[in-house]
Amino acid sequence: MRKNTHPEYQETVIICNTCKTEYKLGSTINGVKVELCANCHPYYTGKQMLVDTDNLVDKFNKKLNAAKPVGTLVSKKQKRIEKKKSVSSAGAVTLKDMLAQIK
């Protein structure tokens, strides 16, 4: 093998952010952090849990609560339906009456 071409292989510590478990393994990277490990992963433990390491759920809820509604939103289809109901309920009999109500 050539010298100085391969990275240095060393013993490193892998830390789980959820349960703070430390594993000693060999790697070329020093100090690896993972979100889930075999001690806390739902597949291995059989327990379902919510992992929110970056507080993304809290950030979303804050944005959702801060958003202010801008009145009632009515789609174009709903407006047309309401318009047809108002025309039919007004009792317009002739075409001239219908056109007058639309204007």
N, C-alpha and C. Protein backbone atom coordinates (compact mmCIF):
# COMPACT_ATOMS: atom_id res chain seq x y z
N MET A 1 0.84 -1.19 0.00
CA MET A 1 0.00 0.00 0.00
C MET A 1 0.88 1.25 0.00
N ARG A 2 0.33 2.28 -0.54
CA ARG A 2 1.04 3.56 -0.54
C ARG A 2 0.96 4.18 0.85
N LYS A 3 1.92 4.90 1.21
CA LYS A 3 1.91 5.60 2.48
C LYS A 3 1.21 6.95 2.32
N ASN A 4 0.55 7.40 3.39
CA ASN A 4 -0.11 8.72 3.48
C ASN A 4 -1.29 8.87 2.52
N THR A 5 -1.91 7.79 2.10
CA THR A 5 -3.09 7.92 1.24
C THR A 5 -4.37 7.53 1.98
N HIS A 6 -4.26 6.71 3.00
CA HIS A 6 -5.44 6.26 3.73
C HIS A 6 -5.64 7.09 4.99
N PRO A 7 -6.89 7.35 5.36
CA PRO A 7 -7.12 8.10 6.60
C PRO A 7 -6.73 7.27 7.82
N GLU A 8 -6.47 7.95 8.90
CA GLU A 8 -6.02 7.27 10.12
C GLU A 8 -7.22 6.63 10.82
N TYR A 9 -7.12 5.35 11.08
CA TYR A 9 -8.19 4.58 11.75
C TYR A 9 -7.93 4.65 13.24
N GLN A 10 -8.94 5.11 13.99
CA GLN A 10 -8.78 5.31 15.43
C GLN A 10 -10.03 4.88 16.18
N GLU A 11 -9.91 4.70 17.47
CA GLU A 11 -11.05 4.36 18.30
C GLU A 11 -11.79 5.65 18.66
N THR A 12 -13.09 5.69 18.35
CA THR A 12 -13.88 6.89 18.61
C THR A 12 -15.08 6.54 19.48
N VAL A 13 -15.72 7.56 19.99
CA VAL A 13 -16.90 7.39 20.83
C VAL A 13 -18.12 7.87 20.04
N ILE A 14 -19.12 7.01 19.95
CA ILE A 14 -20.38 7.37 19.31
C ILE A 14 -21.39 7.63 20.41
N ILE A 15 -22.02 8.81 20.40
CA ILE A 15 -22.95 9.22 21.45
C ILE A 15 -24.35 9.33 20.87
N CYS A 16 -25.33 8.73 21.57
CA CYS A 16 -26.73 8.82 21.17
C CYS A 16 -27.33 10.07 21.81
N ASN A 17 -27.93 10.95 21.02
CA ASN A 17 -28.50 12.20 21.54
C ASN A 17 -29.74 11.96 22.37
N THR A 18 -30.49 10.89 22.13
CA THR A 18 -31.75 10.66 22.82
C THR A 18 -31.54 10.08 24.21
N CYS A 19 -30.77 8.99 24.30
CA CYS A 19 -30.61 8.32 25.60
C CYS A 19 -29.22 8.51 26.21
N LYS A 20 -28.36 9.26 25.55
CA LYS A 20 -27.00 9.58 26.03
C LYS A 20 -26.13 8.35 26.27
N THR A 21 -26.34 7.30 25.49
CA THR A 21 -25.52 6.10 25.57
C THR A 21 -24.26 6.30 24.74
N GLU A 22 -23.13 5.80 25.23
CA GLU A 22 -21.87 5.93 24.52
C GLU A 22 -21.38 4.56 24.07
N TYR A 23 -20.92 4.48 22.82
CA TYR A 23 -20.35 3.26 22.27
C TYR A 23 -18.93 3.57 21.80
N LYS A 24 -18.03 2.66 22.03
CA LYS A 24 -16.65 2.83 21.55
C LYS A 24 -16.48 1.93 20.34
N LEU A 25 -16.22 2.55 19.20
CA LEU A 25 -16.03 1.83 17.95
C LEU A 25 -14.84 2.41 17.21
N GLY A 26 -14.40 1.71 16.19
CA GLY A 26 -13.32 2.22 15.36
C GLY A 26 -13.87 2.98 14.18
N SER A 27 -13.26 4.12 13.87
CA SER A 27 -13.71 4.93 12.76
C SER A 27 -12.59 5.88 12.34
N THR A 28 -12.78 6.49 11.19
CA THR A 28 -11.83 7.50 10.74
C THR A 28 -12.27 8.90 11.16
N ILE A 29 -13.51 8.99 11.68
CA ILE A 29 -14.06 10.28 12.13
C ILE A 29 -14.03 10.30 13.64
N ASN A 30 -13.67 11.42 14.21
CA ASN A 30 -13.58 11.53 15.66
C ASN A 30 -14.86 12.13 16.22
N GLY A 31 -15.49 11.48 17.19
CA GLY A 31 -16.68 12.01 17.88
C GLY A 31 -17.92 12.03 17.02
N VAL A 32 -18.62 10.91 16.89
CA VAL A 32 -19.82 10.80 16.07
C VAL A 32 -21.04 10.87 16.98
N LYS A 33 -22.07 11.62 16.57
CA LYS A 33 -23.32 11.70 17.32
C LYS A 33 -24.46 11.19 16.45
N VAL A 34 -25.32 10.36 17.04
CA VAL A 34 -26.48 9.81 16.33
C VAL A 34 -27.75 10.16 17.10
N GLU A 35 -28.89 10.20 16.41
CA GLU A 35 -30.15 10.55 17.08
C GLU A 35 -30.76 9.35 17.80
N LEU A 36 -30.70 8.17 17.19
CA LEU A 36 -31.28 6.97 17.78
C LEU A 36 -30.26 5.85 17.77
N CYS A 37 -30.31 5.02 18.80
CA CYS A 37 -29.44 3.84 18.86
C CYS A 37 -30.32 2.62 19.16
N ALA A 38 -29.70 1.46 19.33
CA ALA A 38 -30.46 0.24 19.58
C ALA A 38 -31.16 0.26 20.94
N ASN A 39 -30.67 1.05 21.88
CA ASN A 39 -31.30 1.13 23.21
C ASN A 39 -32.59 1.93 23.21
N CYS A 40 -32.74 2.87 22.28
CA CYS A 40 -33.91 3.74 22.32
C CYS A 40 -34.74 3.70 21.03
N HIS A 41 -34.31 2.95 20.01
CA HIS A 41 -35.07 2.89 18.76
C HIS A 41 -36.34 2.08 18.95
N PRO A 42 -37.51 2.57 18.45
CA PRO A 42 -38.78 1.87 18.65
C PRO A 42 -38.81 0.46 18.06
N TYR A 43 -38.05 0.21 17.02
CA TYR A 43 -38.03 -1.13 16.42
C TYR A 43 -37.46 -2.16 17.39
N TYR A 44 -36.42 -1.79 18.11
CA TYR A 44 -35.76 -2.71 19.02
C TYR A 44 -36.41 -2.75 20.40
N THR A 45 -36.96 -1.63 20.86
CA THR A 45 -37.54 -1.59 22.20
C THR A 45 -39.00 -2.00 22.23
N GLY A 46 -39.71 -1.82 21.12
CA GLY A 46 -41.13 -2.14 21.08
C GLY A 46 -41.99 -1.03 21.64
N LYS A 47 -41.42 0.08 22.03
CA LYS A 47 -42.15 1.22 22.57
C LYS A 47 -42.14 2.34 21.54
N GLN A 48 -43.32 2.94 21.34
CA GLN A 48 -43.39 4.06 20.40
C GLN A 48 -43.10 5.34 21.16
N MET A 49 -42.26 6.20 20.56
CA MET A 49 -41.92 7.45 21.22
C MET A 49 -41.70 8.53 20.18
N LEU A 50 -41.85 9.77 20.60
CA LEU A 50 -41.64 10.92 19.73
C LEU A 50 -40.27 11.49 20.02
N VAL A 51 -39.41 11.52 19.02
CA VAL A 51 -38.07 12.06 19.18
C VAL A 51 -38.04 13.42 18.51
N ASP A 52 -37.86 14.45 19.31
CA ASP A 52 -37.83 15.82 18.79
C ASP A 52 -36.58 16.50 19.34
N THR A 53 -35.43 16.21 18.74
CA THR A 53 -34.17 16.73 19.27
C THR A 53 -33.98 18.21 18.94
N ASP A 54 -34.56 18.69 17.85
CA ASP A 54 -34.38 20.09 17.45
C ASP A 54 -35.57 20.96 17.80
N ASN A 55 -36.52 20.45 18.59
CA ASN A 55 -37.73 21.18 18.98
C ASN A 55 -38.52 21.65 17.77
N LEU A 56 -38.59 20.84 16.74
CA LEU A 56 -39.31 21.21 15.53
C LEU A 56 -40.81 21.27 15.76
N VAL A 57 -41.34 20.40 16.63
CA VAL A 57 -42.77 20.41 16.91
C VAL A 57 -43.15 21.69 17.62
N ASP A 58 -42.35 22.12 18.60
CA ASP A 58 -42.63 23.36 19.32
C ASP A 58 -42.55 24.57 18.38
N LYS A 59 -41.56 24.58 17.49
CA LYS A 59 -41.43 25.69 16.54
C LYS A 59 -42.65 25.77 15.63
N PHE A 60 -43.12 24.60 15.16
CA PHE A 60 -44.30 24.57 14.30
C PHE A 60 -45.52 25.08 15.04
N ASN A 61 -45.72 24.64 16.29
CA ASN A 61 -46.88 25.08 17.06
C ASN A 61 -46.83 26.58 17.33
N LYS A 62 -45.66 27.14 17.57
CA LYS A 62 -45.54 28.59 17.78
C LYS A 62 -45.92 29.35 16.52
N LYS A 63 -45.45 28.87 15.36
CA LYS A 63 -45.79 29.52 14.09
C LYS A 63 -47.28 29.41 13.81
N LEU A 64 -47.86 28.26 14.13
CA LEU A 64 -49.28 28.05 13.89
C LEU A 64 -50.12 28.97 14.76
N ASN A 65 -49.73 29.13 16.02
CA ASN A 65 -50.47 30.00 16.93
C ASN A 65 -50.28 31.48 16.59
N ALA A 66 -49.12 31.81 16.03
CA ALA A 66 -48.84 33.21 15.70
C ALA A 66 -49.57 33.65 14.43
N ALA A 67 -49.91 32.70 13.57
CA ALA A 67 -50.60 33.04 12.32
C ALA A 67 -52.01 33.53 12.64
N LYS A 68 -52.36 34.68 12.08
CA LYS A 68 -53.69 35.25 12.32
C LYS A 68 -54.57 34.99 11.10
N PRO A 69 -55.78 34.53 11.33
CA PRO A 69 -56.67 34.31 10.19
C PRO A 69 -57.04 35.64 9.53
N VAL A 70 -57.13 35.63 8.22
CA VAL A 70 -57.43 36.83 7.45
C VAL A 70 -58.87 36.76 6.99
N GLY A 71 -59.81 36.79 7.89
CA GLY A 71 -61.22 36.73 7.53
C GLY A 71 -61.60 35.34 7.06
N THR A 72 -62.81 35.23 6.56
CA THR A 72 -63.27 33.93 6.07
C THR A 72 -62.91 33.80 4.60
N LEU A 73 -62.35 32.70 4.25
CA LEU A 73 -61.98 32.44 2.87
C LEU A 73 -63.10 31.64 2.21
N VAL A 74 -63.62 32.17 1.12
CA VAL A 74 -64.69 31.51 0.39
C VAL A 74 -64.18 31.23 -1.01
N SER A 75 -64.29 30.00 -1.44
CA SER A 75 -63.80 29.66 -2.77
C SER A 75 -64.75 30.19 -3.84
N LYS A 76 -64.27 30.20 -5.07
CA LYS A 76 -65.07 30.69 -6.18
C LYS A 76 -66.30 29.81 -6.38
N LYS A 77 -66.12 28.52 -6.18
CA LYS A 77 -67.24 27.60 -6.36
C LYS A 77 -68.34 27.87 -5.33
N GLN A 78 -67.95 28.12 -4.09
CA GLN A 78 -68.93 28.43 -3.06
C GLN A 78 -69.66 29.73 -3.36
N LYS A 79 -68.94 30.72 -3.91
CA LYS A 79 -69.58 31.99 -4.26
C LYS A 79 -70.62 31.78 -5.35
N ARG A 80 -70.29 30.95 -6.37
CA ARG A 80 -71.25 30.68 -7.45
C ARG A 80 -72.48 29.96 -6.93
N ILE A 81 -72.28 29.02 -6.02
CA ILE A 81 -73.42 28.28 -5.46
C ILE A 81 -74.32 29.22 -4.68
N GLU A 82 -73.74 30.10 -3.87
CA GLU A 82 -74.54 31.06 -3.10
C GLU A 82 -75.28 32.02 -4.03
N LYS A 83 -74.62 32.41 -5.11
CA LYS A 83 -75.24 33.32 -6.07
C LYS A 83 -76.45 32.66 -6.73
N LYS A 84 -76.30 31.38 -7.09
CA LYS A 84 -77.42 30.65 -7.71
C LYS A 84 -78.58 30.49 -6.73
N LYS A 85 -78.26 30.24 -5.46
CA LYS A 85 -79.32 30.10 -4.46
C LYS A 85 -80.07 31.41 -4.28
N SER A 86 -79.34 32.53 -4.28
CA SER A 86 -80.00 33.82 -4.08
C SER A 86 -80.87 34.17 -5.28
N VAL A 87 -80.43 33.80 -6.48
CA VAL A 87 -81.22 34.08 -7.69
C VAL A 87 -82.48 33.23 -7.69
N SER A 88 -82.35 31.95 -7.36
CA SER A 88 -83.51 31.06 -7.40
C SER A 88 -84.48 31.35 -6.26
N SER A 89 -83.98 31.79 -5.12
CA SER A 89 -84.88 32.05 -4.00
C SER A 89 -85.59 33.39 -4.12
N ALA A 90 -85.07 34.29 -4.95
CA ALA A 90 -85.69 35.61 -5.10
C ALA A 90 -87.00 35.53 -5.86
N GLY A 91 -87.22 34.46 -6.59
CA GLY A 91 -88.49 34.28 -7.30
C GLY A 91 -88.51 34.96 -8.65
N ALA A 92 -87.37 35.13 -9.28
CA ALA A 92 -87.33 35.73 -10.60
C ALA A 92 -87.93 34.74 -11.59
N VAL A 93 -88.87 35.22 -12.36
CA VAL A 93 -89.58 34.35 -13.28
C VAL A 93 -89.09 34.53 -14.70
N THR A 94 -88.85 35.75 -15.11
CA THR A 94 -88.45 35.99 -16.49
C THR A 94 -86.95 36.20 -16.59
N LEU A 95 -86.46 36.10 -17.81
CA LEU A 95 -85.05 36.29 -18.07
C LEU A 95 -84.63 37.72 -17.75
N LYS A 96 -85.51 38.66 -18.02
CA LYS A 96 -85.23 40.07 -17.75
C LYS A 96 -85.05 40.29 -16.23
N ASP A 97 -85.87 39.62 -15.41
CA ASP A 97 -85.73 39.74 -13.96
C ASP A 97 -84.43 39.12 -13.46
N MET A 98 -84.08 37.98 -14.05
CA MET A 98 -82.83 37.31 -13.65
C MET A 98 -81.62 38.18 -13.96
N LEU A 99 -81.59 38.79 -15.16
CA LEU A 99 -80.46 39.65 -15.54
C LEU A 99 -80.39 40.89 -14.66
N ALA A 100 -81.54 41.40 -14.27
CA ALA A 100 -81.57 42.56 -13.38
C ALA A 100 -81.02 42.21 -12.01
N GLN A 101 -81.28 41.00 -11.52
CA GLN A 101 -80.78 40.61 -10.21
C GLN A 101 -79.27 40.36 -10.23
N ILE A 102 -78.75 39.89 -11.36
CA ILE A 102 -77.31 39.64 -11.47
C ILE A 102 -76.53 40.94 -11.43
N LYS A 103 -77.06 41.98 -12.09
CA LYS A 103 -76.39 43.29 -12.13
C LYS A 103 -76.54 43.92 -10.80
